[in-house]
């Protein structure tokens, strides 16, 4: 029992001193869209906290937009892409790395987790 108590006290004292951060998965996105829809897709990516890294023309008349976006913001991107490009665009996405969650979102996530813990 003494070891359990010591571990609990050490954990409670050590975590605040360690300055923990909340991380989120970041994905690399390659979106292929017609030239006329480039601005709309870039605006959509910016709205989703994405960082546009560049644009490249492709051989089939489309533009490739390369961006890094948080995975949590991409759940309904396929629908938005289809709507904006009228079904002519497509994208690929793959995991790239983890980054720290912005502080204003971190507070919301911590609050929601605390509420879920209190309900149990």
PDB file of N, CA and C in Angstrom:
ATOM      1  N   UNK A   1       0.819  -1.190   0.000  1.00  0.00           N
ATOM      2  CA  UNK A   1       0.000   0.000   0.000  1.00  0.00           C
ATOM      3  C   UNK A   1       0.870   1.263   0.000  1.00  0.00           C
ATOM      4  N   UNK A   2       1.996   1.201   0.698  1.00  0.00           N
ATOM      5  CA  UNK A   2       2.889   2.361   0.760  1.00  0.00           C
ATOM      6  C   UNK A   2       3.448   2.692  -0.622  1.00  0.00           C
ATOM      7  N   UNK A   3       3.758   1.671  -1.430  1.00  0.00           N
ATOM      8  CA  UNK A   3       4.283   1.918  -2.770  1.00  0.00           C
ATOM      9  C   UNK A   3       3.225   2.551  -3.672  1.00  0.00           C
ATOM     10  N   UNK A   4       1.985   2.111  -3.532  1.00  0.00           N
ATOM     11  CA  UNK A   4       0.901   2.704  -4.318  1.00  0.00           C
ATOM     12  C   UNK A   4       0.726   4.172  -3.962  1.00  0.00           C
ATOM     13  N   UNK A   5       0.749   4.470  -2.682  1.00  0.00           N
ATOM     14  CA  UNK A   5       0.579   5.838  -2.226  1.00  0.00           C
ATOM     15  C   UNK A   5       1.749   6.716  -2.700  1.00  0.00           C
ATOM     16  N   UNK A   6       2.962   6.208  -2.598  1.00  0.00           N
ATOM     17  CA  UNK A   6       4.139   6.957  -3.032  1.00  0.00           C
ATOM     18  C   UNK A   6       4.096   7.215  -4.535  1.00  0.00           C
ATOM     19  N   UNK A   7       3.684   6.227  -5.297  1.00  0.00           N
ATOM     20  CA  UNK A   7       3.581   6.393  -6.753  1.00  0.00           C
ATOM     21  C   UNK A   7       2.526   7.432  -7.103  1.00  0.00           C
ATOM     22  N   UNK A   8       1.405   7.399  -6.410  1.00  0.00           N
ATOM     23  CA  UNK A   8       0.337   8.363  -6.655  1.00  0.00           C
ATOM     24  C   UNK A   8       0.797   9.784  -6.366  1.00  0.00           C
ATOM     25  N   UNK A   9       1.466   9.976  -5.242  1.00  0.00           N
ATOM     26  CA  UNK A   9       1.957  11.310  -4.874  1.00  0.00           C
ATOM     27  C   UNK A   9       3.029  11.771  -5.871  1.00  0.00           C
ATOM     28  N   UNK A  10       3.911  10.893  -6.264  1.00  0.00           N
ATOM     29  CA  UNK A  10       4.965  11.241  -7.223  1.00  0.00           C
ATOM     30  C   UNK A  10       4.370  11.618  -8.578  1.00  0.00           C
ATOM     31  N   UNK A  11       3.365  10.880  -8.990  1.00  0.00           N
ATOM     32  CA  UNK A  11       2.715  11.166 -10.265  1.00  0.00           C
ATOM     33  C   UNK A  11       2.034  12.528 -10.223  1.00  0.00           C
ATOM     34  N   UNK A  12       1.292  12.805  -9.154  1.00  0.00           N
ATOM     35  CA  UNK A  12       0.583  14.081  -9.037  1.00  0.00           C
ATOM     36  C   UNK A  12       1.545  15.255  -8.943  1.00  0.00           C
ATOM     37  N   UNK A  13       2.698  15.071  -8.324  1.00  0.00           N
ATOM     38  CA  UNK A  13       3.678  16.152  -8.208  1.00  0.00           C
ATOM     39  C   UNK A  13       4.524  16.278  -9.480  1.00  0.00           C
ATOM     40  N   UNK A  14       4.785  15.186 -10.149  1.00  0.00           N
ATOM     41  CA  UNK A  14       5.676  15.198 -11.306  1.00  0.00           C
ATOM     42  C   UNK A  14       5.057  15.708 -12.585  1.00  0.00           C
ATOM     43  N   UNK A  15       3.800  15.425 -12.817  1.00  0.00           N
ATOM     44  CA  UNK A  15       3.155  15.814 -14.076  1.00  0.00           C
ATOM     45  C   UNK A  15       3.153  17.330 -14.276  1.00  0.00           C
ATOM     46  N   UNK A  16       2.724  18.148 -13.304  1.00  0.00           N
ATOM     47  CA  UNK A  16       2.768  19.598 -13.540  1.00  0.00           C
ATOM     48  C   UNK A  16       4.189  20.122 -13.776  1.00  0.00           C
ATOM     49  N   UNK A  17       5.176  19.541 -13.116  1.00  0.00           N
ATOM     50  CA  UNK A  17       6.559  19.986 -13.295  1.00  0.00           C
ATOM     51  C   UNK A  17       7.109  19.599 -14.665  1.00  0.00           C
ATOM     52  N   UNK A  18       6.542  18.604 -15.288  1.00  0.00           N
ATOM     53  CA  UNK A  18       7.029  18.140 -16.593  1.00  0.00           C
ATOM     54  C   UNK A  18       6.519  18.991 -17.748  1.00  0.00           C
ATOM     55  N   UNK A  19       5.569  19.896 -17.502  1.00  0.00           N
ATOM     56  CA  UNK A  19       4.973  20.751 -18.539  1.00  0.00           C
ATOM     57  C   UNK A  19       4.440  19.917 -19.706  1.00  0.00           C
ATOM     58  N   UNK A  20       3.450  19.082 -19.472  1.00  0.00           N
ATOM     59  CA  UNK A  20       2.930  18.247 -20.557  1.00  0.00           C
ATOM     60  C   UNK A  20       2.187  19.076 -21.602  1.00  0.00           C
ATOM     61  N   UNK A  21       2.163  18.588 -22.828  1.00  0.00           N
ATOM     62  CA  UNK A  21       1.442  19.236 -23.918  1.00  0.00           C
ATOM     63  C   UNK A  21       0.543  18.205 -24.593  1.00  0.00           C
ATOM     64  N   UNK A  22      -0.494  18.694 -25.206  1.00  0.00           N
ATOM     65  CA  UNK A  22      -1.427  17.850 -25.936  1.00  0.00           C
ATOM     66  C   UNK A  22      -1.028  17.878 -27.409  1.00  0.00           C
ATOM     67  N   UNK A  23      -0.883  16.695 -28.017  1.00  0.00           N
ATOM     68  CA  UNK A  23      -0.465  16.595 -29.412  1.00  0.00           C
ATOM     69  C   UNK A  23      -1.625  16.132 -30.278  1.00  0.00           C
ATOM     70  N   UNK A  24      -1.597  16.548 -31.551  1.00  0.00           N
ATOM     71  CA  UNK A  24      -2.599  16.093 -32.513  1.00  0.00           C
ATOM     72  C   UNK A  24      -1.893  15.602 -33.766  1.00  0.00           C
ATOM     73  N   UNK A  25      -2.477  14.616 -34.469  1.00  0.00           N
ATOM     74  CA  UNK A  25      -1.863  14.124 -35.705  1.00  0.00           C
ATOM     75  C   UNK A  25      -2.028  15.129 -36.843  1.00  0.00           C
ATOM     76  N   UNK A  26      -0.953  15.321 -37.586  1.00  0.00           N
ATOM     77  CA  UNK A  26      -0.949  16.203 -38.754  1.00  0.00           C
ATOM     78  C   UNK A  26      -0.755  15.324 -39.987  1.00  0.00           C
ATOM     79  N   UNK A  27      -1.566  15.571 -41.003  1.00  0.00           N
ATOM     80  CA  UNK A  27      -1.494  14.781 -42.233  1.00  0.00           C
ATOM     81  C   UNK A  27      -0.991  15.636 -43.390  1.00  0.00           C
ATOM     82  N   UNK A  28      -0.312  14.995 -44.329  1.00  0.00           N
ATOM     83  CA  UNK A  28       0.094  15.639 -45.578  1.00  0.00           C
ATOM     84  C   UNK A  28      -1.018  15.392 -46.586  1.00  0.00           C
ATOM     85  N   UNK A  29      -1.481  16.464 -47.197  1.00  0.00           N
ATOM     86  CA  UNK A  29      -2.594  16.399 -48.134  1.00  0.00           C
ATOM     87  C   UNK A  29      -2.116  16.809 -49.516  1.00  0.00           C
ATOM     88  N   UNK A  30      -2.520  16.060 -50.524  1.00  0.00           N
ATOM     89  CA  UNK A  30      -2.322  16.438 -51.922  1.00  0.00           C
ATOM     90  C   UNK A  30      -3.695  16.463 -52.564  1.00  0.00           C
ATOM     91  N   UNK A  31      -4.163  17.658 -52.899  1.00  0.00           N
ATOM     92  CA  UNK A  31      -5.488  17.817 -53.503  1.00  0.00           C
ATOM     93  C   UNK A  31      -5.306  18.189 -54.969  1.00  0.00           C
ATOM     94  N   UNK A  32      -6.011  17.490 -55.845  1.00  0.00           N
ATOM     95  CA  UNK A  32      -5.950  17.725 -57.282  1.00  0.00           C
ATOM     96  C   UNK A  32      -7.287  18.298 -57.729  1.00  0.00           C
ATOM     97  N   UNK A  33      -7.267  19.550 -58.206  1.00  0.00           N
ATOM     98  CA  UNK A  33      -8.510  20.230 -58.539  1.00  0.00           C
ATOM     99  C   UNK A  33      -8.346  21.061 -59.806  1.00  0.00           C
ATOM    100  N   UNK A  34      -9.465  21.380 -60.478  1.00  0.00           N
ATOM    101  CA  UNK A  34      -9.395  22.265 -61.643  1.00  0.00           C
ATOM    102  C   UNK A  34      -8.925  23.663 -61.230  1.00  0.00           C
ATOM    103  N   UNK A  35      -8.304  24.379 -62.167  1.00  0.00           N
ATOM    104  CA  UNK A  35      -7.797  25.728 -61.894  1.00  0.00           C
ATOM    105  C   UNK A  35      -8.871  26.654 -61.341  1.00  0.00           C
ATOM    106  N   UNK A  36     -10.076  26.542 -61.824  1.00  0.00           N
ATOM    107  CA  UNK A  36     -11.143  27.461 -61.413  1.00  0.00           C
ATOM    108  C   UNK A  36     -11.546  27.290 -59.954  1.00  0.00           C
ATOM    109  N   UNK A  37     -11.218  26.173 -59.336  1.00  0.00           N
ATOM    110  CA  UNK A  37     -11.602  25.923 -57.951  1.00  0.00           C
ATOM    111  C   UNK A  37     -10.449  26.039 -56.962  1.00  0.00           C
ATOM    112  N   UNK A  38      -9.290  26.466 -57.427  1.00  0.00           N
ATOM    113  CA  UNK A  38      -8.103  26.520 -56.575  1.00  0.00           C
ATOM    114  C   UNK A  38      -8.308  27.423 -55.361  1.00  0.00           C
ATOM    115  N   UNK A  39      -8.807  28.606 -55.559  1.00  0.00           N
ATOM    116  CA  UNK A  39      -9.008  29.554 -54.458  1.00  0.00           C
ATOM    117  C   UNK A  39      -9.983  29.049 -53.414  1.00  0.00           C
ATOM    118  N   UNK A  40     -11.051  28.397 -53.867  1.00  0.00           N
ATOM    119  CA  UNK A  40     -12.049  27.876 -52.935  1.00  0.00           C
ATOM    120  C   UNK A  40     -11.470  26.766 -52.054  1.00  0.00           C
ATOM    121  N   UNK A  41     -10.679  25.892 -52.641  1.00  0.00           N
ATOM    122  CA  UNK A  41     -10.084  24.798 -51.867  1.00  0.00           C
ATOM    123  C   UNK A  41      -9.036  25.342 -50.899  1.00  0.00           C
ATOM    124  N   UNK A  42      -8.254  26.315 -51.324  1.00  0.00           N
ATOM    125  CA  UNK A  42      -7.270  26.914 -50.417  1.00  0.00           C
ATOM    126  C   UNK A  42      -7.980  27.579 -49.243  1.00  0.00           C
ATOM    127  N   UNK A  43      -9.080  28.260 -49.517  1.00  0.00           N
ATOM    128  CA  UNK A  43      -9.872  28.858 -48.441  1.00  0.00           C
ATOM    129  C   UNK A  43     -10.429  27.815 -47.486  1.00  0.00           C
ATOM    130  N   UNK A  44     -10.869  26.699 -48.032  1.00  0.00           N
ATOM    131  CA  UNK A  44     -11.390  25.604 -47.208  1.00  0.00           C
ATOM    132  C   UNK A  44     -10.287  25.021 -46.331  1.00  0.00           C
ATOM    133  N   UNK A  45      -9.093  24.865 -46.877  1.00  0.00           N
ATOM    134  CA  UNK A  45      -7.970  24.339 -46.092  1.00  0.00           C
ATOM    135  C   UNK A  45      -7.568  25.315 -44.986  1.00  0.00           C
ATOM    136  N   UNK A  46      -7.565  26.605 -45.285  1.00  0.00           N
ATOM    137  CA  UNK A  46      -7.245  27.606 -44.263  1.00  0.00           C
ATOM    138  C   UNK A  46      -8.278  27.599 -43.145  1.00  0.00           C
ATOM    139  N   UNK A  47      -9.529  27.406 -43.504  1.00  0.00           N
ATOM    140  CA  UNK A  47     -10.601  27.345 -42.506  1.00  0.00           C
ATOM    141  C   UNK A  47     -10.418  26.145 -41.580  1.00  0.00           C
ATOM    142  N   UNK A  48      -9.794  25.110 -42.074  1.00  0.00           N
ATOM    143  CA  UNK A  48      -9.568  23.881 -41.302  1.00  0.00           C
ATOM    144  C   UNK A  48      -8.194  23.877 -40.620  1.00  0.00           C
ATOM    145  N   UNK A  49      -7.592  25.012 -40.437  1.00  0.00           N
ATOM    146  CA  UNK A  49      -6.289  25.169 -39.794  1.00  0.00           C
ATOM    147  C   UNK A  49      -5.151  24.537 -40.595  1.00  0.00           C
ATOM    148  N   UNK A  50      -5.325  24.417 -41.892  1.00  0.00           N
ATOM    149  CA  UNK A  50      -4.293  23.826 -42.741  1.00  0.00           C
ATOM    150  C   UNK A  50      -3.251  24.850 -43.151  1.00  0.00           C
ATOM    151  N   UNK A  51      -2.067  24.365 -43.490  1.00  0.00           N
ATOM    152  CA  UNK A  51      -0.994  25.214 -44.014  1.00  0.00           C
ATOM    153  C   UNK A  51      -0.704  24.774 -45.437  1.00  0.00           C
ATOM    154  N   UNK A  52      -0.971  25.653 -46.375  1.00  0.00           N
ATOM    155  CA  UNK A  52      -0.703  25.350 -47.780  1.00  0.00           C
ATOM    156  C   UNK A  52       0.799  25.505 -48.006  1.00  0.00           C
ATOM    157  N   UNK A  53       1.427  24.448 -48.494  1.00  0.00           N
ATOM    158  CA  UNK A  53       2.872  24.439 -48.714  1.00  0.00           C
ATOM    159  C   UNK A  53       3.249  24.784 -50.143  1.00  0.00           C
ATOM    160  N   UNK A  54       2.323  24.563 -51.083  1.00  0.00           N
ATOM    161  CA  UNK A  54       2.640  24.877 -52.466  1.00  0.00           C
ATOM    162  C   UNK A  54       1.592  24.382 -53.435  1.00  0.00           C
ATOM    163  N   UNK A  55       1.752  24.802 -54.687  1.00  0.00           N
ATOM    164  CA  UNK A  55       0.858  24.378 -55.768  1.00  0.00           C
ATOM    165  C   UNK A  55       1.719  23.963 -56.949  1.00  0.00           C
ATOM    166  N   UNK A  56       1.288  22.900 -57.609  1.00  0.00           N
ATOM    167  CA  UNK A  56       2.013  22.388 -58.769  1.00  0.00           C
ATOM    168  C   UNK A  56       1.014  22.061 -59.868  1.00  0.00           C
ATOM    169  N   UNK A  57       1.283  22.486 -61.109  1.00  0.00           N
ATOM    170  CA  UNK A  57       0.415  22.066 -62.211  1.00  0.00           C
ATOM    171  C   UNK A  57       0.677  20.599 -62.558  1.00  0.00           C
ATOM    172  N   UNK A  58      -0.360  19.891 -62.973  1.00  0.00           N
ATOM    173  CA  UNK A  58      -0.202  18.494 -63.378  1.00  0.00           C
ATOM    174  C   UNK A  58      -0.414  18.376 -64.875  1.00  0.00           C
ATOM    175  N   UNK A  59      -0.116  17.206 -65.414  1.00  0.00           N
ATOM    176  CA  UNK A  59      -0.232  16.986 -66.859  1.00  0.00           C
ATOM    177  C   UNK A  59      -1.669  16.924 -67.341  1.00  0.00           C
ATOM    178  N   UNK A  60      -2.604  16.590 -66.467  1.00  0.00           N
ATOM    179  CA  UNK A  60      -3.994  16.428 -66.899  1.00  0.00           C
ATOM    180  C   UNK A  60      -4.832  17.689 -66.718  1.00  0.00           C
ATOM    181  N   UNK A  61      -4.204  18.863 -66.579  1.00  0.00           N
ATOM    182  CA  UNK A  61      -4.932  20.122 -66.511  1.00  0.00           C
ATOM    183  C   UNK A  61      -5.424  20.488 -65.121  1.00  0.00           C
ATOM    184  N   UNK A  62      -5.028  19.755 -64.132  1.00  0.00           N
ATOM    185  CA  UNK A  62      -5.438  20.060 -62.764  1.00  0.00           C
ATOM    186  C   UNK A  62      -4.287  20.733 -62.017  1.00  0.00           C
ATOM    187  N   UNK A  63      -4.619  21.333 -60.896  1.00  0.00           N
ATOM    188  CA  UNK A  63      -3.615  21.897 -59.991  1.00  0.00           C
ATOM    189  C   UNK A  63      -3.469  20.964 -58.797  1.00  0.00           C
ATOM    190  N   UNK A  64      -2.250  20.714 -58.370  1.00  0.00           N
ATOM    191  CA  UNK A  64      -2.017  19.950 -57.159  1.00  0.00           C
ATOM    192  C   UNK A  64      -1.727  20.946 -56.040  1.00  0.00           C
ATOM    193  N   UNK A  65      -2.509  20.881 -54.972  1.00  0.00           N
ATOM    194  CA  UNK A  65      -2.266  21.714 -53.796  1.00  0.00           C
ATOM    195  C   UNK A  65      -1.699  20.806 -52.721  1.00  0.00           C
ATOM    196  N   UNK A  66      -0.524  21.158 -52.211  1.00  0.00           N
ATOM    197  CA  UNK A  66       0.138  20.385 -51.166  1.00  0.00           C
ATOM    198  C   UNK A  66      -0.017  21.165 -49.866  1.00  0.00           C
ATOM    199  N   UNK A  67      -0.515  20.490 -48.818  1.00  0.00           N
ATOM    200  CA  UNK A  67      -0.763  21.165 -47.550  1.00  0.00           C
ATOM    201  C   UNK A  67      -0.581  20.203 -46.385  1.00  0.00           C
ATOM    202  N   UNK A  68      -0.379  20.774 -45.213  1.00  0.00           N
ATOM    203  CA  UNK A  68      -0.383  20.029 -43.960  1.00  0.00           C
ATOM    204  C   UNK A  68      -1.633  20.443 -43.199  1.00  0.00           C
ATOM    205  N   UNK A  69      -2.422  19.462 -42.768  1.00  0.00           N
ATOM    206  CA  UNK A  69      -3.678  19.752 -42.067  1.00  0.00           C
ATOM    207  C   UNK A  69      -3.840  18.827 -40.866  1.00  0.00           C
ATOM    208  N   UNK A  70      -4.483  19.326 -39.800  1.00  0.00           N
ATOM    209  CA  UNK A  70      -4.778  18.453 -38.667  1.00  0.00           C
ATOM    210  C   UNK A  70      -5.814  17.401 -39.060  1.00  0.00           C
ATOM    211  N   UNK A  71      -5.585  16.179 -38.666  1.00  0.00           N
ATOM    212  CA  UNK A  71      -6.490  15.096 -39.034  1.00  0.00           C
ATOM    213  C   UNK A  71      -7.894  15.315 -38.464  1.00  0.00           C
ATOM    214  N   UNK A  72      -7.980  15.942 -37.290  1.00  0.00           N
ATOM    215  CA  UNK A  72      -9.278  16.152 -36.652  1.00  0.00           C
ATOM    216  C   UNK A  72     -10.186  17.079 -37.461  1.00  0.00           C
ATOM    217  N   UNK A  73      -9.621  17.887 -38.331  1.00  0.00           N
ATOM    218  CA  UNK A  73     -10.415  18.827 -39.125  1.00  0.00           C
ATOM    219  C   UNK A  73     -10.845  18.256 -40.474  1.00  0.00           C
ATOM    220  N   UNK A  74     -10.418  17.040 -40.805  1.00  0.00           N
ATOM    221  CA  UNK A  74     -10.615  16.522 -42.150  1.00  0.00           C
ATOM    222  C   UNK A  74     -11.745  15.512 -42.288  1.00  0.00           C
ATOM    223  N   UNK A  75     -12.588  15.365 -41.277  1.00  0.00           N
ATOM    224  CA  UNK A  75     -13.608  14.319 -41.312  1.00  0.00           C
ATOM    225  C   UNK A  75     -14.615  14.493 -42.456  1.00  0.00           C
ATOM    226  N   UNK A  76     -14.965  15.724 -42.803  1.00  0.00           N
ATOM    227  CA  UNK A  76     -15.944  15.937 -43.875  1.00  0.00           C
ATOM    228  C   UNK A  76     -15.336  16.667 -45.079  1.00  0.00           C
ATOM    229  N   UNK A  77     -14.020  16.587 -45.230  1.00  0.00           N
ATOM    230  CA  UNK A  77     -13.363  17.270 -46.339  1.00  0.00           C
ATOM    231  C   UNK A  77     -13.743  16.669 -47.694  1.00  0.00           C
ATOM    232  N   UNK A  78     -13.978  15.362 -47.744  1.00  0.00           N
ATOM    233  CA  UNK A  78     -14.345  14.728 -49.017  1.00  0.00           C
ATOM    234  C   UNK A  78     -15.642  15.326 -49.563  1.00  0.00           C
ATOM    235  N   UNK A  79     -16.593  15.560 -48.679  1.00  0.00           N
ATOM    236  CA  UNK A  79     -17.864  16.157 -49.102  1.00  0.00           C
ATOM    237  C   UNK A  79     -17.647  17.582 -49.591  1.00  0.00           C
ATOM    238  N   UNK A  80     -16.853  18.357 -48.854  1.00  0.00           N
ATOM    239  CA  UNK A  80     -16.572  19.738 -49.252  1.00  0.00           C
ATOM    240  C   UNK A  80     -15.833  19.777 -50.586  1.00  0.00           C
ATOM    241  N   UNK A  81     -14.878  18.888 -50.761  1.00  0.00           N
ATOM    242  CA  UNK A  81     -14.110  18.826 -52.007  1.00  0.00           C
ATOM    243  C   UNK A  81     -15.013  18.494 -53.195  1.00  0.00           C
ATOM    244  N   UNK A  82     -15.879  17.516 -52.994  1.00  0.00           N
ATOM    245  CA  UNK A  82     -16.799  17.118 -54.064  1.00  0.00           C
ATOM    246  C   UNK A  82     -17.741  18.268 -54.419  1.00  0.00           C
ATOM    247  N   UNK A  83     -18.216  18.967 -53.405  1.00  0.00           N
ATOM    248  CA  UNK A  83     -19.144  20.068 -53.615  1.00  0.00           C
ATOM    249  C   UNK A  83     -18.461  21.234 -54.328  1.00  0.00           C
ATOM    250  N   UNK A  84     -17.284  21.609 -53.882  1.00  0.00           N
ATOM    251  CA  UNK A  84     -16.589  22.760 -54.459  1.00  0.00           C
ATOM    252  C   UNK A  84     -16.146  22.482 -55.889  1.00  0.00           C
ATOM    253  N   UNK A  85     -15.607  21.291 -56.138  1.00  0.00           N
ATOM    254  CA  UNK A  85     -15.076  20.989 -57.476  1.00  0.00           C
ATOM    255  C   UNK A  85     -16.109  20.332 -58.382  1.00  0.00           C
ATOM    256  N   UNK A  86     -17.333  20.169 -57.913  1.00  0.00           N
ATOM    257  CA  UNK A  86     -18.418  19.538 -58.669  1.00  0.00           C
ATOM    258  C   UNK A  86     -18.030  18.139 -59.126  1.00  0.00           C
ATOM    259  N   UNK A  87     -17.326  17.441 -58.229  1.00  0.00           N
ATOM    260  CA  UNK A  87     -16.963  16.053 -58.487  1.00  0.00           C
ATOM    261  C   UNK A  87     -15.734  15.856 -59.346  1.00  0.00           C
ATOM    262  N   UNK A  88     -15.069  16.943 -59.745  1.00  0.00           N
ATOM    263  CA  UNK A  88     -13.911  16.812 -60.637  1.00  0.00           C
ATOM    264  C   UNK A  88     -12.586  16.729 -59.901  1.00  0.00           C
ATOM    265  N   UNK A  89     -12.579  16.979 -58.600  1.00  0.00           N
ATOM    266  CA  UNK A  89     -11.335  16.964 -57.844  1.00  0.00           C
ATOM    267  C   UNK A  89     -11.216  15.727 -56.972  1.00  0.00           C
ATOM    268  N   UNK A  90     -10.017  15.451 -56.539  1.00  0.00           N
ATOM    269  CA  UNK A  90      -9.770  14.332 -55.631  1.00  0.00           C
ATOM    270  C   UNK A  90      -8.556  14.668 -54.770  1.00  0.00           C
ATOM    271  N   UNK A  91      -8.361  13.905 -53.715  1.00  0.00           N
ATOM    272  CA  UNK A  91      -7.226  14.176 -52.842  1.00  0.00           C
ATOM    273  C   UNK A  91      -6.710  12.887 -52.225  1.00  0.00           C
ATOM    274  N   UNK A  92      -5.468  12.950 -51.773  1.00  0.00           N
ATOM    275  CA  UNK A  92      -4.868  11.867 -51.001  1.00  0.00           C
ATOM    276  C   UNK A  92      -4.336  12.490 -49.712  1.00  0.00           C
ATOM    277  N   UNK A  93      -4.332  11.679 -48.657  1.00  0.00           N
ATOM    278  CA  UNK A  93      -3.901  12.179 -47.368  1.00  0.00           C
ATOM    279  C   UNK A  93      -3.190  11.059 -46.628  1.00  0.00           C
ATOM    280  N   UNK A  94      -2.078  11.396 -45.973  1.00  0.00           N
ATOM    281  CA  UNK A  94      -1.359  10.397 -45.179  1.00  0.00           C
ATOM    282  C   UNK A  94      -0.760  11.068 -43.949  1.00  0.00           C
ATOM    283  N   UNK A  95      -0.612  10.273 -42.903  1.00  0.00           N
ATOM    284  CA  UNK A  95      -0.065  10.775 -41.650  1.00  0.00           C
ATOM    285  C   UNK A  95       1.356  11.278 -41.853  1.00  0.00           C
ATOM    286  N   UNK A  96       1.675  12.430 -41.240  1.00  0.00           N
ATOM    287  CA  UNK A  96       3.024  12.987 -41.358  1.00  0.00           C
ATOM    288  C   UNK A  96       3.743  13.044 -40.012  1.00  0.00           C
ATOM    289  N   UNK A  97       3.086  13.601 -38.993  1.00  0.00           N
ATOM    290  CA  UNK A  97       3.744  13.801 -37.692  1.00  0.00           C
ATOM    291  C   UNK A  97       2.703  14.259 -36.669  1.00  0.00           C
ATOM    292  N   UNK A  98       3.188  14.506 -35.466  1.00  0.00           N
ATOM    293  CA  UNK A  98       2.365  15.096 -34.411  1.00  0.00           C
ATOM    294  C   UNK A  98       2.840  16.518 -34.154  1.00  0.00           C
ATOM    295  N   UNK A  99       1.886  17.407 -33.844  1.00  0.00           N
ATOM    296  CA  UNK A  99       2.202  18.779 -33.454  1.00  0.00           C
ATOM    297  C   UNK A  99       1.363  19.152 -32.246  1.00  0.00           C
ATOM    298  N   UNK A 100       1.805  20.173 -31.538  1.00  0.00           N
ATOM    299  CA  UNK A 100       1.095  20.626 -30.352  1.00  0.00           C
ATOM    300  C   UNK A 100      -0.223  21.283 -30.757  1.00  0.00           C
ATOM    301  N   UNK A 101      -1.282  20.991 -29.991  1.00  0.00           N
ATOM    302  CA  UNK A 101      -2.596  21.583 -30.220  1.00  0.00           C
ATOM    303  C   UNK A 101      -2.527  23.054 -29.816  1.00  0.00           C
ATOM    304  N   UNK A 102      -3.133  23.971 -30.595  1.00  0.00           N
ATOM    305  CA  UNK A 102      -3.164  25.381 -30.196  1.00  0.00           C
ATOM    306  C   UNK A 102      -3.817  25.548 -28.820  1.00  0.00           C
ATOM    307  N   UNK A 103      -3.352  26.527 -28.067  1.00  0.00           N
ATOM    308  CA  UNK A 103      -3.784  26.683 -26.672  1.00  0.00           C
ATOM    309  C   UNK A 103      -5.283  26.919 -26.534  1.00  0.00           C
ATOM    310  N   UNK A 104      -5.895  27.666 -27.462  1.00  0.00           N
ATOM    311  CA  UNK A 104      -7.340  27.908 -27.343  1.00  0.00           C
ATOM    312  C   UNK A 104      -8.151  26.629 -27.548  1.00  0.00           C
ATOM    313  N   UNK A 105      -7.661  25.707 -28.352  1.00  0.00           N
ATOM    314  CA  UNK A 105      -8.342  24.430 -28.533  1.00  0.00           C
ATOM    315  C   UNK A 105      -8.013  23.451 -27.417  1.00  0.00           C
ATOM    316  N   UNK A 106      -6.810  23.554 -26.881  1.00  0.00           N
ATOM    317  CA  UNK A 106      -6.391  22.660 -25.807  1.00  0.00           C
ATOM    318  C   UNK A 106      -7.294  22.828 -24.588  1.00  0.00           C
ATOM    319  N   UNK A 107      -7.654  24.062 -24.277  1.00  0.00           N
ATOM    320  CA  UNK A 107      -8.528  24.320 -23.126  1.00  0.00           C
ATOM    321  C   UNK A 107      -9.887  23.657 -23.316  1.00  0.00           C
ATOM    322  N   UNK A 108     -10.429  23.723 -24.526  1.00  0.00           N
ATOM    323  CA  UNK A 108     -11.728  23.087 -24.809  1.00  0.00           C
ATOM    324  C   UNK A 108     -11.639  21.569 -24.667  1.00  0.00           C
ATOM    325  N   UNK A 109     -10.574  20.986 -25.165  1.00  0.00           N
ATOM    326  CA  UNK A 109     -10.398  19.533 -25.111  1.00  0.00           C
ATOM    327  C   UNK A 109     -10.281  19.069 -23.661  1.00  0.00           C
ATOM    328  N   UNK A 110      -9.519  19.801 -22.857  1.00  0.00           N
ATOM    329  CA  UNK A 110      -9.349  19.443 -21.451  1.00  0.00           C
ATOM    330  C   UNK A 110     -10.682  19.550 -20.713  1.00  0.00           C
ATOM    331  N   UNK A 111     -11.465  20.601 -21.001  1.00  0.00           N
ATOM    332  CA  UNK A 111     -12.791  20.755 -20.371  1.00  0.00           C
ATOM    333  C   UNK A 111     -13.707  19.586 -20.715  1.00  0.00           C
ATOM    334  N   UNK A 112     -13.737  19.198 -21.995  1.00  0.00           N
ATOM    335  CA  UNK A 112     -14.591  18.084 -22.420  1.00  0.00           C
ATOM    336  C   UNK A 112     -14.166  16.776 -21.756  1.00  0.00           C
ATOM    337  N   UNK A 113     -12.873  16.564 -21.637  1.00  0.00           N
ATOM    338  CA  UNK A 113     -12.380  15.346 -20.985  1.00  0.00           C
ATOM    339  C   UNK A 113     -12.744  15.340 -19.508  1.00  0.00           C
ATOM    340  N   UNK A 114     -12.675  16.496 -18.856  1.00  0.00           N
ATOM    341  CA  UNK A 114     -13.044  16.584 -17.441  1.00  0.00           C
ATOM    342  C   UNK A 114     -14.529  16.298 -17.253  1.00  0.00           C
ATOM    343  N   UNK A 115     -15.356  16.795 -18.166  1.00  0.00           N
ATOM    344  CA  UNK A 115     -16.796  16.525 -18.084  1.00  0.00           C
ATOM    345  C   UNK A 115     -17.075  15.026 -18.239  1.00  0.00           C
ATOM    346  N   UNK A 116     -16.385  14.389 -19.177  1.00  0.00           N
ATOM    347  CA  UNK A 116     -16.584  12.954 -19.377  1.00  0.00           C
ATOM    348  C   UNK A 116     -16.131  12.170 -18.158  1.00  0.00           C
ATOM    349  N   UNK A 117     -15.045  12.581 -17.522  1.00  0.00           N
ATOM    350  CA  UNK A 117     -14.561  11.908 -16.310  1.00  0.00           C
ATOM    351  C   UNK A 117     -15.543  12.064 -15.167  1.00  0.00           C
ATOM    352  N   UNK A 118     -16.164  13.232 -15.061  1.00  0.00           N
ATOM    353  CA  UNK A 118     -17.113  13.479 -13.973  1.00  0.00           C
ATOM    354  C   UNK A 118     -18.400  12.707 -14.156  1.00  0.00           C
ATOM    355  N   UNK A 119     -18.777  12.419 -15.419  1.00  0.00           N
ATOM    356  CA  UNK A 119     -19.995  11.644 -15.682  1.00  0.00           C
ATOM    357  C   UNK A 119     -19.820  10.191 -15.296  1.00  0.00           C
ATOM    358  N   UNK A 120     -18.618   9.664 -15.413  1.00  0.00           N
ATOM    359  CA  UNK A 120     -18.372   8.257 -15.085  1.00  0.00           C
ATOM    360  C   UNK A 120     -18.315   8.074 -13.630  1.00  0.00           C
TER     361      UNK A 120
END
